[in-house]
């Protein structure tokens, strides 16, 4: 999608210790997925960035995410980010227009990677989106989700996510025998609605004290999705979770 290669940094901060100005202990112990996600993103990126550029972007993103868990987003300045990352102002503006651009670049690339995961892994099931993988990831980064909500950024994040998941679902529908005959406009509309339903389930799951597992939420989403798609497909049966 773009040359921004490191959406993993908005998801957790297991590698924050590399910053010269470390975050306080209360924000230092988030999930183990960060390094794995970065490796996937770097491997999947259509543009191979210079290692030095990648390190710079990673350090800036790490710094912003650490700061977001310490104070409101609106109170964070570019200088705060630079001080935390130990990077110069001119270097920052060579890559980003401001802190919002830095933040959204990570979010967009993360969702692009997530939304295309099934296609990239040549998944042959009737799954429309990597639902249980996304739920499992969200479960690991609840402290950061709370920070997003407190900073009034969660709506923006989910809105970006809906667009990426809609495109990913539309591509899945176009490739499946039972739904590939749908007209492009109808397919896009259904994909947009399904992506919205997916993220609505995520919000519900986050806001309720439920014991439902990511796998159970995946099964629920796909039952709902295919029950809605069945009237348009004569032969499609609901996929097993």
C-alpha atoms as a PDB file:
ATOM      1  CA  UNK A   1       0.000   0.000   0.000  1.00  0.00           C
ATOM      2  CA  UNK A   2       2.723   2.457   0.883  1.00  0.00           C
ATOM      3  CA  UNK A   3       6.348   2.646   1.858  1.00  0.00           C
ATOM      4  CA  UNK A   4       5.407   2.687   5.528  1.00  0.00           C
ATOM      5  CA  UNK A   5       6.590  -0.715   6.680  1.00  0.00           C
ATOM      6  CA  UNK A   6       6.074  -1.031  10.405  1.00  0.00           C
ATOM      7  CA  UNK A   7       2.437  -1.138  11.582  1.00  0.00           C
ATOM      8  CA  UNK A   8       3.479  -3.574  14.254  1.00  0.00           C
ATOM      9  CA  UNK A   9       4.725  -0.771  16.447  1.00  0.00           C
ATOM     10  CA  UNK A  10       1.215   0.413  17.313  1.00  0.00           C
ATOM     11  CA  UNK A  11       0.287  -3.052  18.541  1.00  0.00           C
ATOM     12  CA  UNK A  12       2.632  -3.632  21.421  1.00  0.00           C
ATOM     13  CA  UNK A  13       5.942  -2.585  22.811  1.00  0.00           C
ATOM     14  CA  UNK A  14       7.832  -5.689  23.842  1.00  0.00           C
ATOM     15  CA  UNK A  15      10.942  -4.191  22.289  1.00  0.00           C
ATOM     16  CA  UNK A  16      10.680  -0.756  23.912  1.00  0.00           C
ATOM     17  CA  UNK A  17      13.876  -1.400  25.824  1.00  0.00           C
ATOM     18  CA  UNK A  18      15.919  -0.425  22.787  1.00  0.00           C
ATOM     19  CA  UNK A  19      14.878   3.238  23.120  1.00  0.00           C
ATOM     20  CA  UNK A  20      17.393   5.339  24.944  1.00  0.00           C
ATOM     21  CA  UNK A  21      14.697   6.938  27.065  1.00  0.00           C
ATOM     22  CA  UNK A  22      12.750   3.869  28.211  1.00  0.00           C
ATOM     23  CA  UNK A  23       9.101   3.979  29.123  1.00  0.00           C
ATOM     24  CA  UNK A  24       8.186   3.626  32.782  1.00  0.00           C
ATOM     25  CA  UNK A  25       7.876   0.092  34.072  1.00  0.00           C
ATOM     26  CA  UNK A  26       4.084   0.200  34.009  1.00  0.00           C
ATOM     27  CA  UNK A  27       4.107   0.409  30.201  1.00  0.00           C
ATOM     28  CA  UNK A  28       7.044  -1.878  29.485  1.00  0.00           C
ATOM     29  CA  UNK A  29       5.452  -5.322  29.604  1.00  0.00           C
ATOM     30  CA  UNK A  30       3.041  -5.717  26.740  1.00  0.00           C
ATOM     31  CA  UNK A  31       2.647  -8.792  24.520  1.00  0.00           C
ATOM     32  CA  UNK A  32       5.250 -10.778  22.695  1.00  0.00           C
ATOM     33  CA  UNK A  33       3.753 -10.318  19.215  1.00  0.00           C
ATOM     34  CA  UNK A  34       5.514  -7.093  18.271  1.00  0.00           C
ATOM     35  CA  UNK A  35       8.731  -8.539  16.868  1.00  0.00           C
ATOM     36  CA  UNK A  36       6.846 -11.248  14.998  1.00  0.00           C
ATOM     37  CA  UNK A  37       4.515  -8.715  13.414  1.00  0.00           C
ATOM     38  CA  UNK A  38       7.406  -6.503  12.394  1.00  0.00           C
ATOM     39  CA  UNK A  39       9.139  -9.403  10.677  1.00  0.00           C
ATOM     40  CA  UNK A  40       5.956 -10.251   8.773  1.00  0.00           C
ATOM     41  CA  UNK A  41       5.446  -6.661   7.718  1.00  0.00           C
ATOM     42  CA  UNK A  42       9.019  -6.205   6.596  1.00  0.00           C
ATOM     43  CA  UNK A  43       8.838  -9.440   4.595  1.00  0.00           C
ATOM     44  CA  UNK A  44       5.462  -8.586   3.041  1.00  0.00           C
ATOM     45  CA  UNK A  45       6.254  -4.980   2.195  1.00  0.00           C
ATOM     46  CA  UNK A  46       6.425  -4.472  -1.562  1.00  0.00           C
ATOM     47  CA  UNK A  47       9.145  -1.895  -1.054  1.00  0.00           C
ATOM     48  CA  UNK A  48      12.274  -2.983   0.745  1.00  0.00           C
ATOM     49  CA  UNK A  49      13.401  -0.055   2.820  1.00  0.00           C
ATOM     50  CA  UNK A  50      16.947   0.646   3.766  1.00  0.00           C
ATOM     51  CA  UNK A  51      17.667  -0.889   7.176  1.00  0.00           C
ATOM     52  CA  UNK A  52      18.605   2.503   8.559  1.00  0.00           C
ATOM     53  CA  UNK A  53      15.311   4.048   7.412  1.00  0.00           C
ATOM     54  CA  UNK A  54      13.411   1.123   8.912  1.00  0.00           C
ATOM     55  CA  UNK A  55      15.179   1.525  12.254  1.00  0.00           C
ATOM     56  CA  UNK A  56      14.364   5.227  12.278  1.00  0.00           C
ATOM     57  CA  UNK A  57      10.673   4.626  11.589  1.00  0.00           C
ATOM     58  CA  UNK A  58      10.539   1.839  14.153  1.00  0.00           C
ATOM     59  CA  UNK A  59      12.146   4.003  16.827  1.00  0.00           C
ATOM     60  CA  UNK A  60       9.747   6.879  16.170  1.00  0.00           C
ATOM     61  CA  UNK A  61       6.729   4.606  16.237  1.00  0.00           C
ATOM     62  CA  UNK A  62       7.904   2.896  19.417  1.00  0.00           C
ATOM     63  CA  UNK A  63       8.363   6.263  21.076  1.00  0.00           C
ATOM     64  CA  UNK A  64       4.892   7.487  20.150  1.00  0.00           C
ATOM     65  CA  UNK A  65       3.212   4.296  21.345  1.00  0.00           C
ATOM     66  CA  UNK A  66       5.040   4.435  24.680  1.00  0.00           C
ATOM     67  CA  UNK A  67       4.029   8.053  25.150  1.00  0.00           C
ATOM     68  CA  UNK A  68       0.390   7.322  24.289  1.00  0.00           C
ATOM     69  CA  UNK A  69       0.236   4.946  27.233  1.00  0.00           C
ATOM     70  CA  UNK A  70       1.571   7.622  29.573  1.00  0.00           C
ATOM     71  CA  UNK A  71      -0.414  10.710  28.562  1.00  0.00           C
ATOM     72  CA  UNK A  72      -3.250  11.882  26.299  1.00  0.00           C
ATOM     73  CA  UNK A  73      -2.438  11.932  22.589  1.00  0.00           C
ATOM     74  CA  UNK A  74      -3.266  15.643  22.296  1.00  0.00           C
ATOM     75  CA  UNK A  75      -0.641  16.499  24.888  1.00  0.00           C
ATOM     76  CA  UNK A  76       2.133  14.674  23.039  1.00  0.00           C
ATOM     77  CA  UNK A  77       4.316  16.886  20.862  1.00  0.00           C
ATOM     78  CA  UNK A  78       6.697  15.953  18.085  1.00  0.00           C
ATOM     79  CA  UNK A  79       9.508  17.043  20.389  1.00  0.00           C
ATOM     80  CA  UNK A  80       8.365  14.518  23.004  1.00  0.00           C
ATOM     81  CA  UNK A  81       8.605  11.805  20.355  1.00  0.00           C
ATOM     82  CA  UNK A  82      12.038  12.993  19.235  1.00  0.00           C
ATOM     83  CA  UNK A  83      13.355  13.066  22.782  1.00  0.00           C
ATOM     84  CA  UNK A  84      12.062   9.566  23.487  1.00  0.00           C
ATOM     85  CA  UNK A  85      13.440   8.157  20.226  1.00  0.00           C
ATOM     86  CA  UNK A  86      16.672  10.180  20.339  1.00  0.00           C
ATOM     87  CA  UNK A  87      16.139  11.279  16.741  1.00  0.00           C
ATOM     88  CA  UNK A  88      16.549  14.729  15.203  1.00  0.00           C
ATOM     89  CA  UNK A  89      13.697  16.930  14.017  1.00  0.00           C
ATOM     90  CA  UNK A  90      14.875  17.120  10.399  1.00  0.00           C
ATOM     91  CA  UNK A  91      15.071  13.331  10.252  1.00  0.00           C
ATOM     92  CA  UNK A  92      11.511  13.056  11.557  1.00  0.00           C
ATOM     93  CA  UNK A  93      10.137  15.423   8.914  1.00  0.00           C
ATOM     94  CA  UNK A  94      11.966  13.522   6.189  1.00  0.00           C
ATOM     95  CA  UNK A  95       9.549  10.659   6.930  1.00  0.00           C
ATOM     96  CA  UNK A  96       6.372  12.126   8.428  1.00  0.00           C
ATOM     97  CA  UNK A  97       4.314  15.305   8.317  1.00  0.00           C
ATOM     98  CA  UNK A  98       3.518  15.172  12.032  1.00  0.00           C
ATOM     99  CA  UNK A  99       2.565  12.897  14.888  1.00  0.00           C
ATOM    100  CA  UNK A 100      -0.806  12.036  13.312  1.00  0.00           C
ATOM    101  CA  UNK A 101       0.916  10.935  10.121  1.00  0.00           C
ATOM    102  CA  UNK A 102       3.311   8.786  12.142  1.00  0.00           C
ATOM    103  CA  UNK A 103       0.450   7.181  14.045  1.00  0.00           C
ATOM    104  CA  UNK A 104      -1.811   6.549  11.062  1.00  0.00           C
ATOM    105  CA  UNK A 105       1.016   5.168   8.935  1.00  0.00           C
ATOM    106  CA  UNK A 106       1.435   2.319  11.400  1.00  0.00           C
ATOM    107  CA  UNK A 107      -2.294   1.701  11.676  1.00  0.00           C
ATOM    108  CA  UNK A 108      -2.842   1.569   7.932  1.00  0.00           C
ATOM    109  CA  UNK A 109       0.028  -0.805   7.251  1.00  0.00           C
ATOM    110  CA  UNK A 110      -1.009  -3.078  10.099  1.00  0.00           C
ATOM    111  CA  UNK A 111      -4.559  -3.370   8.782  1.00  0.00           C
ATOM    112  CA  UNK A 112      -3.350  -3.951   5.238  1.00  0.00           C
ATOM    113  CA  UNK A 113      -1.236  -6.834   6.469  1.00  0.00           C
ATOM    114  CA  UNK A 114      -4.035  -8.266   8.598  1.00  0.00           C
ATOM    115  CA  UNK A 115      -6.791  -7.880   5.996  1.00  0.00           C
ATOM    116  CA  UNK A 116      -4.781  -9.698   3.330  1.00  0.00           C
ATOM    117  CA  UNK A 117      -3.463 -12.453   5.607  1.00  0.00           C
ATOM    118  CA  UNK A 118      -5.764 -15.211   4.316  1.00  0.00           C
ATOM    119  CA  UNK A 119      -4.938 -14.487   0.683  1.00  0.00           C
ATOM    120  CA  UNK A 120      -1.214 -14.260   1.346  1.00  0.00           C
ATOM    121  CA  UNK A 121      -1.291 -17.611   3.122  1.00  0.00           C
ATOM    122  CA  UNK A 122      -3.349 -19.157   0.306  1.00  0.00           C
ATOM    123  CA  UNK A 123      -6.127 -20.085   2.732  1.00  0.00           C
ATOM    124  CA  UNK A 124      -8.609 -22.449   1.040  1.00  0.00           C
ATOM    125  CA  UNK A 125     -11.379 -22.299   3.656  1.00  0.00           C
ATOM    126  CA  UNK A 126     -14.611 -20.321   3.476  1.00  0.00           C
ATOM    127  CA  UNK A 127     -13.324 -17.828   6.018  1.00  0.00           C
ATOM    128  CA  UNK A 128     -13.798 -14.240   4.893  1.00  0.00           C
ATOM    129  CA  UNK A 129     -11.365 -12.573   7.293  1.00  0.00           C
ATOM    130  CA  UNK A 130      -8.731 -13.613   9.858  1.00  0.00           C
ATOM    131  CA  UNK A 131     -11.186 -13.093  12.689  1.00  0.00           C
ATOM    132  CA  UNK A 132      -9.791 -15.257  15.456  1.00  0.00           C
ATOM    133  CA  UNK A 133      -6.259 -14.035  14.713  1.00  0.00           C
ATOM    134  CA  UNK A 134      -7.379 -10.429  15.045  1.00  0.00           C
ATOM    135  CA  UNK A 135      -9.341 -11.114  18.233  1.00  0.00           C
ATOM    136  CA  UNK A 136      -6.332 -12.909  19.730  1.00  0.00           C
ATOM    137  CA  UNK A 137      -4.158  -9.941  18.896  1.00  0.00           C
ATOM    138  CA  UNK A 138      -6.616  -7.467  20.400  1.00  0.00           C
ATOM    139  CA  UNK A 139      -6.737  -9.574  23.565  1.00  0.00           C
ATOM    140  CA  UNK A 140      -2.980  -9.223  23.919  1.00  0.00           C
ATOM    141  CA  UNK A 141      -2.955  -5.445  23.553  1.00  0.00           C
ATOM    142  CA  UNK A 142      -5.893  -4.368  25.719  1.00  0.00           C
ATOM    143  CA  UNK A 143      -3.785  -1.743  27.582  1.00  0.00           C
ATOM    144  CA  UNK A 144      -2.978  -0.085  24.296  1.00  0.00           C
ATOM    145  CA  UNK A 145      -6.606  -0.312  23.142  1.00  0.00           C
ATOM    146  CA  UNK A 146      -7.572   1.527  26.327  1.00  0.00           C
ATOM    147  CA  UNK A 147      -4.953   4.171  25.527  1.00  0.00           C
ATOM    148  CA  UNK A 148      -6.427   4.569  22.044  1.00  0.00           C
ATOM    149  CA  UNK A 149      -9.903   4.950  23.512  1.00  0.00           C
ATOM    150  CA  UNK A 150      -8.728   7.471  26.102  1.00  0.00           C
ATOM    151  CA  UNK A 151      -7.024   9.468  23.345  1.00  0.00           C
ATOM    152  CA  UNK A 152     -10.206   9.367  21.223  1.00  0.00           C
ATOM    153  CA  UNK A 153      -8.280   7.580  18.474  1.00  0.00           C
ATOM    154  CA  UNK A 154     -10.100   4.252  18.564  1.00  0.00           C
ATOM    155  CA  UNK A 155     -12.853   5.438  16.200  1.00  0.00           C
ATOM    156  CA  UNK A 156     -10.265   6.551  13.626  1.00  0.00           C
ATOM    157  CA  UNK A 157      -8.437   3.246  13.954  1.00  0.00           C
ATOM    158  CA  UNK A 158     -11.587   1.179  13.476  1.00  0.00           C
ATOM    159  CA  UNK A 159     -12.717   3.327  10.546  1.00  0.00           C
ATOM    160  CA  UNK A 160      -9.418   2.661   8.771  1.00  0.00           C
ATOM    161  CA  UNK A 161      -9.703  -0.994   9.686  1.00  0.00           C
ATOM    162  CA  UNK A 162     -13.184  -1.268   8.184  1.00  0.00           C
ATOM    163  CA  UNK A 163     -11.931  -0.020   4.831  1.00  0.00           C
ATOM    164  CA  UNK A 164      -9.070  -2.509   4.732  1.00  0.00           C
ATOM    165  CA  UNK A 165     -11.166  -5.449   5.914  1.00  0.00           C
ATOM    166  CA  UNK A 166     -13.900  -4.543   3.417  1.00  0.00           C
ATOM    167  CA  UNK A 167     -11.407  -4.748   0.574  1.00  0.00           C
ATOM    168  CA  UNK A 168     -10.010  -8.007   1.912  1.00  0.00           C
ATOM    169  CA  UNK A 169     -13.473  -9.551   2.262  1.00  0.00           C
ATOM    170  CA  UNK A 170     -14.468  -8.367  -1.212  1.00  0.00           C
ATOM    171  CA  UNK A 171     -11.398 -10.075  -2.638  1.00  0.00           C
ATOM    172  CA  UNK A 172     -12.302 -13.300  -0.816  1.00  0.00           C
ATOM    173  CA  UNK A 173     -15.876 -13.167  -2.122  1.00  0.00           C
ATOM    174  CA  UNK A 174     -14.599 -12.587  -5.651  1.00  0.00           C
ATOM    175  CA  UNK A 175     -12.393 -15.672  -5.425  1.00  0.00           C
ATOM    176  CA  UNK A 176     -14.923 -18.094  -3.934  1.00  0.00           C
ATOM    177  CA  UNK A 177     -17.010 -20.213  -6.333  1.00  0.00           C
ATOM    178  CA  UNK A 178     -20.225 -19.578  -4.389  1.00  0.00           C
ATOM    179  CA  UNK A 179     -19.928 -15.790  -4.504  1.00  0.00           C
ATOM    180  CA  UNK A 180     -17.671 -14.882  -7.423  1.00  0.00           C
ATOM    181  CA  UNK A 181     -20.710 -14.296  -9.640  1.00  0.00           C
ATOM    182  CA  UNK A 182     -21.852 -11.379  -7.474  1.00  0.00           C
ATOM    183  CA  UNK A 183     -21.770  -8.079  -9.308  1.00  0.00           C
ATOM    184  CA  UNK A 184     -18.864  -5.855  -8.180  1.00  0.00           C
ATOM    185  CA  UNK A 185     -21.121  -3.206  -6.639  1.00  0.00           C
ATOM    186  CA  UNK A 186     -23.159  -5.745  -4.689  1.00  0.00           C
ATOM    187  CA  UNK A 187     -19.994  -7.545  -3.603  1.00  0.00           C
ATOM    188  CA  UNK A 188     -18.407  -4.312  -2.387  1.00  0.00           C
ATOM    189  CA  UNK A 189     -21.554  -3.355  -0.467  1.00  0.00           C
ATOM    190  CA  UNK A 190     -21.745  -6.733   1.237  1.00  0.00           C
ATOM    191  CA  UNK A 191     -18.046  -6.642   2.060  1.00  0.00           C
ATOM    192  CA  UNK A 192     -18.371  -3.192   3.627  1.00  0.00           C
ATOM    193  CA  UNK A 193     -21.308  -4.341   5.746  1.00  0.00           C
ATOM    194  CA  UNK A 194     -19.490  -7.503   6.824  1.00  0.00           C
ATOM    195  CA  UNK A 195     -16.364  -5.573   7.768  1.00  0.00           C
ATOM    196  CA  UNK A 196     -18.508  -3.251   9.876  1.00  0.00           C
ATOM    197  CA  UNK A 197     -20.138  -6.234  11.564  1.00  0.00           C
ATOM    198  CA  UNK A 198     -16.738  -7.765  12.249  1.00  0.00           C
ATOM    199  CA  UNK A 199     -15.460  -4.651  14.002  1.00  0.00           C
ATOM    200  CA  UNK A 200     -18.766  -4.192  15.818  1.00  0.00           C
ATOM    201  CA  UNK A 201     -18.232  -7.655  17.291  1.00  0.00           C
ATOM    202  CA  UNK A 202     -14.735  -6.602  18.348  1.00  0.00           C
ATOM    203  CA  UNK A 203     -16.143  -3.545  20.115  1.00  0.00           C
ATOM    204  CA  UNK A 204     -18.817  -5.620  21.815  1.00  0.00           C
ATOM    205  CA  UNK A 205     -16.223  -8.163  22.923  1.00  0.00           C
ATOM    206  CA  UNK A 206     -13.985  -5.424  24.343  1.00  0.00           C
ATOM    207  CA  UNK A 207     -16.837  -3.718  26.189  1.00  0.00           C
ATOM    208  CA  UNK A 208     -18.373  -6.805  27.816  1.00  0.00           C
ATOM    209  CA  UNK A 209     -17.063  -9.208  30.373  1.00  0.00           C
ATOM    210  CA  UNK A 210     -17.377 -12.298  28.227  1.00  0.00           C
ATOM    211  CA  UNK A 211     -15.586 -15.616  28.279  1.00  0.00           C
ATOM    212  CA  UNK A 212     -15.990 -16.033  24.513  1.00  0.00           C
ATOM    213  CA  UNK A 213     -12.701 -17.059  22.938  1.00  0.00           C
ATOM    214  CA  UNK A 214     -11.283 -15.649  19.693  1.00  0.00           C
ATOM    215  CA  UNK A 215     -12.142 -18.956  18.007  1.00  0.00           C
ATOM    216  CA  UNK A 216     -15.747 -18.716  19.204  1.00  0.00           C
ATOM    217  CA  UNK A 217     -16.015 -15.155  17.944  1.00  0.00           C
ATOM    218  CA  UNK A 218     -14.632 -16.302  14.596  1.00  0.00           C
ATOM    219  CA  UNK A 219     -17.287 -19.017  14.371  1.00  0.00           C
ATOM    220  CA  UNK A 220     -20.018 -16.521  15.351  1.00  0.00           C
ATOM    221  CA  UNK A 221     -18.928 -13.968  12.762  1.00  0.00           C
ATOM    222  CA  UNK A 222     -18.809 -16.499   9.953  1.00  0.00           C
ATOM    223  CA  UNK A 223     -22.191 -17.984  10.864  1.00  0.00           C
ATOM    224  CA  UNK A 224     -23.704 -14.513  10.727  1.00  0.00           C
ATOM    225  CA  UNK A 225     -21.823 -13.633   7.541  1.00  0.00           C
ATOM    226  CA  UNK A 226     -22.791 -16.715   5.572  1.00  0.00           C
ATOM    227  CA  UNK A 227     -26.382 -16.666   6.780  1.00  0.00           C
ATOM    228  CA  UNK A 228     -26.629 -13.234   5.203  1.00  0.00           C
ATOM    229  CA  UNK A 229     -24.845 -14.295   2.026  1.00  0.00           C
ATOM    230  CA  UNK A 230     -26.838 -17.477   1.480  1.00  0.00           C
ATOM    231  CA  UNK A 231     -29.891 -15.800  -0.096  1.00  0.00           C
ATOM    232  CA  UNK A 232     -27.591 -14.619  -2.896  1.00  0.00           C
ATOM    233  CA  UNK A 233     -25.941 -18.015  -3.404  1.00  0.00           C
ATOM    234  CA  UNK A 234     -27.958 -21.129  -4.161  1.00  0.00           C
ATOM    235  CA  UNK A 235     -25.268 -23.638  -3.290  1.00  0.00           C
ATOM    236  CA  UNK A 236     -23.274 -22.046  -0.521  1.00  0.00           C
ATOM    237  CA  UNK A 237     -23.475 -23.687   2.889  1.00  0.00           C
ATOM    238  CA  UNK A 238     -22.342 -22.115   6.103  1.00  0.00           C
ATOM    239  CA  UNK A 239     -18.668 -22.886   6.729  1.00  0.00           C
ATOM    240  CA  UNK A 240     -17.643 -24.846   9.747  1.00  0.00           C
ATOM    241  CA  UNK A 241     -15.503 -22.914  12.195  1.00  0.00           C
END
